[in-house]
C-alpha atoms as a PDB file:
ATOM      1  CA  MET A   1      -4.277 -10.774 -17.083  1.00  0.00           C
ATOM      2  CA  SER A   2      -6.039 -13.627 -18.802  1.00  0.00           C
ATOM      3  CA  ASN A   3      -8.385 -16.033 -17.081  1.00  0.00           C
ATOM      4  CA  ARG A   4      -6.940 -18.945 -19.081  1.00  0.00           C
ATOM      5  CA  PRO A   5      -4.804 -21.605 -17.429  1.00  0.00           C
ATOM      6  CA  ALA A   6      -1.049 -21.077 -17.733  1.00  0.00           C
ATOM      7  CA  TRP A   7      -0.543 -24.074 -20.010  1.00  0.00           C
ATOM      8  CA  VAL A   8      -3.216 -22.790 -22.432  1.00  0.00           C
ATOM      9  CA  GLN A   9      -1.618 -19.351 -22.504  1.00  0.00           C
ATOM     10  CA  ALA A  10       1.814 -20.928 -23.115  1.00  0.00           C
ATOM     11  CA  GLU A  11       0.373 -23.007 -25.950  1.00  0.00           C
ATOM     12  CA  TYR A  12      -1.178 -19.912 -27.563  1.00  0.00           C
ATOM     13  CA  GLU A  13       2.154 -18.105 -27.346  1.00  0.00           C
ATOM     14  CA  ARG A  14       3.983 -21.085 -28.896  1.00  0.00           C
ATOM     15  CA  ILE A  15       1.489 -21.219 -31.752  1.00  0.00           C
ATOM     16  CA  GLY A  16       1.867 -17.465 -32.264  1.00  0.00           C
ATOM     17  CA  ARG A  17       5.661 -17.758 -32.432  1.00  0.00           C
ATOM     18  CA  GLU A  18       5.439 -20.612 -34.953  1.00  0.00           C
ATOM     19  CA  ARG A  19       3.026 -18.682 -37.154  1.00  0.00           C
ATOM     20  CA  GLU A  20       5.210 -15.574 -37.008  1.00  0.00           C
ATOM     21  CA  GLN A  21       8.263 -17.632 -38.027  1.00  0.00           C
ATOM     22  CA  ALA A  22       6.323 -19.247 -40.894  1.00  0.00           C
ATOM     23  CA  SER A  23       5.128 -15.827 -42.034  1.00  0.00           C
ATOM     24  CA  ARG A  24       8.675 -14.431 -42.095  1.00  0.00           C
ATOM     25  CA  GLU A  25       9.901 -17.443 -44.071  1.00  0.00           C
ATOM     26  CA  ALA A  26       7.065 -17.127 -46.594  1.00  0.00           C
ATOM     27  CA  ASP A  27       7.760 -13.400 -47.017  1.00  0.00           C
ATOM     28  CA  ARG A  28      11.451 -14.136 -47.585  1.00  0.00           C
ATOM     29  CA  LEU A  29      10.599 -16.727 -50.250  1.00  0.00           C
ATOM     30  CA  TYR A  30       8.231 -14.306 -51.986  1.00  0.00           C
ATOM     31  CA  VAL A  31      10.933 -11.621 -52.123  1.00  0.00           C
ATOM     32  CA  TRP A  32      13.490 -14.043 -53.560  1.00  0.00           C
ATOM     33  CA  GLU A  33      10.987 -15.237 -56.158  1.00  0.00           C
ATOM     34  CA  LEU A  34      10.210 -11.643 -57.119  1.00  0.00           C
ATOM     35  CA  LEU A  35      13.910 -10.859 -57.509  1.00  0.00           C
ATOM     36  CA  ARG A  36      14.423 -14.018 -59.553  1.00  0.00           C
ATOM     37  CA  VAL A  37      11.575 -13.193 -61.934  1.00  0.00           C
ATOM     38  CA  CYS A  38      12.743  -9.585 -62.295  1.00  0.00           C
ATOM     39  CA  GLY A  39      16.236 -10.824 -63.112  1.00  0.00           C
ATOM     40  CA  GLU A  40      14.898 -13.237 -65.707  1.00  0.00           C
ATOM     41  CA  LEU A  41      12.774 -10.500 -67.287  1.00  0.00           C
ATOM     42  CA  LEU A  42      15.721  -8.108 -67.442  1.00  0.00           C
ATOM     43  CA  GLY A  43      17.944 -10.843 -68.860  1.00  0.00           C
ATOM     44  CA  TRP A  44      15.555 -11.737 -71.665  1.00  0.00           C
ATOM     45  CA  THR A  45      14.963  -8.089 -72.446  1.00  0.00           C
ATOM     46  CA  ALA A  46      18.710  -7.478 -72.633  1.00  0.00           C
ATOM     47  CA  ALA A  47      19.164 -10.526 -74.880  1.00  0.00           C
ATOM     48  CA  GLY A  48      16.440  -9.244 -77.209  1.00  0.00           C
ATOM     49  CA  LEU A  49      18.040  -5.808 -77.298  1.00  0.00           C
ATOM     50  CA  VAL A  50      21.432  -7.303 -78.173  1.00  0.00           C
ATOM     51  CA  VAL A  51      19.946  -9.231 -81.088  1.00  0.00           C
ATOM     52  CA  ALA A  52      17.941  -6.216 -82.240  1.00  0.00           C
ATOM     53  CA  ALA A  53      21.000  -3.971 -81.988  1.00  0.00           C
ATOM     54  CA  PHE A  54      22.646  -5.931 -84.779  1.00  0.00           C
ATOM     55  CA  ALA A  55      19.932  -4.538 -87.058  1.00  0.00           C
ATOM     56  CA  PHE A  56      21.657  -1.160 -86.903  1.00  0.00           C
ATOM     57  CA  HIS A  57      25.085  -2.568 -87.753  1.00  0.00           C
ATOM     58  CA  VAL A  58      24.302  -4.359 -91.005  1.00  0.00           C
ATOM     59  CA  HIS A  59      24.071  -2.738 -94.412  1.00  0.00           C
ATOM     60  CA  ASP A  60      21.330  -4.868 -95.936  1.00  0.00           C
ATOM     61  CA  ARG A  61      17.790  -3.778 -95.087  1.00  0.00           C
ATOM     62  CA  ASP A  62      16.336  -7.298 -95.157  1.00  0.00           C
ATOM     63  CA  VAL A  63      19.013  -8.690 -92.844  1.00  0.00           C
ATOM     64  CA  GLY A  64      18.523  -5.725 -90.548  1.00  0.00           C
ATOM     65  CA  MET A  65      14.792  -6.369 -90.367  1.00  0.00           C
ATOM     66  CA  MET A  66      15.482 -10.039 -89.593  1.00  0.00           C
ATOM     67  CA  PHE A  67      17.691  -9.020 -86.680  1.00  0.00           C
ATOM     68  CA  LEU A  68      15.141  -6.481 -85.468  1.00  0.00           C
ATOM     69  CA  TYR A  69      12.234  -8.921 -85.537  1.00  0.00           C
ATOM     70  CA  GLY A  70      14.465 -11.671 -84.165  1.00  0.00           C
ATOM     71  CA  GLY A  71      15.271  -9.461 -81.191  1.00  0.00           C
ATOM     72  CA  MET A  72      11.583  -8.826 -80.635  1.00  0.00           C
ATOM     73  CA  ILE A  73      10.871 -12.553 -80.752  1.00  0.00           C
ATOM     74  CA  VAL A  74      13.668 -13.316 -78.290  1.00  0.00           C
ATOM     75  CA  ASN A  75      12.407 -10.620 -75.936  1.00  0.00           C
ATOM     76  CA  LEU A  76       8.724 -11.536 -76.045  1.00  0.00           C
ATOM     77  CA  SER A  77       9.198 -15.296 -75.940  1.00  0.00           C
ATOM     78  CA  GLY A  78      11.720 -15.039 -73.100  1.00  0.00           C
ATOM     79  CA  VAL A  79       9.491 -12.774 -71.031  1.00  0.00           C
ATOM     80  CA  THR A  80       6.516 -15.063 -71.647  1.00  0.00           C
ATOM     81  CA  TRP A  81       8.567 -18.093 -70.632  1.00  0.00           C
ATOM     82  CA  ALA A  82       9.822 -16.366 -67.466  1.00  0.00           C
ATOM     83  CA  LEU A  83       6.311 -15.372 -66.399  1.00  0.00           C
ATOM     84  CA  ALA A  84       4.884 -18.817 -67.157  1.00  0.00           C
ATOM     85  CA  ALA A  85       7.689 -20.481 -65.195  1.00  0.00           C
ATOM     86  CA  ALA A  86       7.077 -18.153 -62.245  1.00  0.00           C
ATOM     87  CA  TYR A  87       3.391 -19.014 -62.342  1.00  0.00           C
ATOM     88  CA  ARG A  88       4.140 -22.758 -62.389  1.00  0.00           C
ATOM     89  CA  ARG A  89       6.535 -22.395 -59.443  1.00  0.00           C
ATOM     90  CA  GLY A  90       3.882 -20.437 -57.557  1.00  0.00           C
ATOM     91  CA  GLU A  91       1.293 -23.126 -58.182  1.00  0.00           C
ATOM     92  CA  LYS A  92       3.730 -25.806 -57.045  1.00  0.00           C
ATOM     93  CA  ARG A  93       4.383 -23.874 -53.802  1.00  0.00           C
ATOM     94  CA  GLY A  94       0.649 -23.375 -53.292  1.00  0.00           C
ATOM     95  CA  ASP A  95       0.647 -19.588 -53.571  1.00  0.00           C
ATOM     96  CA  TRP A  96      -2.679 -19.651 -55.438  1.00  0.00           C
END
């Protein structure tokens, strides 16, 4: 048993409940952000693969190389954009 007054103990318990609720909400937001970023990364990678796949369906070597490098550019620029956007959202939320 604590030697604190009952109202102080009740206040500590209320503060603890509020902090626990805030922690659960923050964890939920972090998970959703992680899933969103993973989805964006997979989407841009898939888009780059689709563009690069056309390189194997054309008969001209130069056009095929354009599709291959175009797919790489789509993939890398999309992934970079997704990570930069996630970083900006994290800064706006105050994560770091």
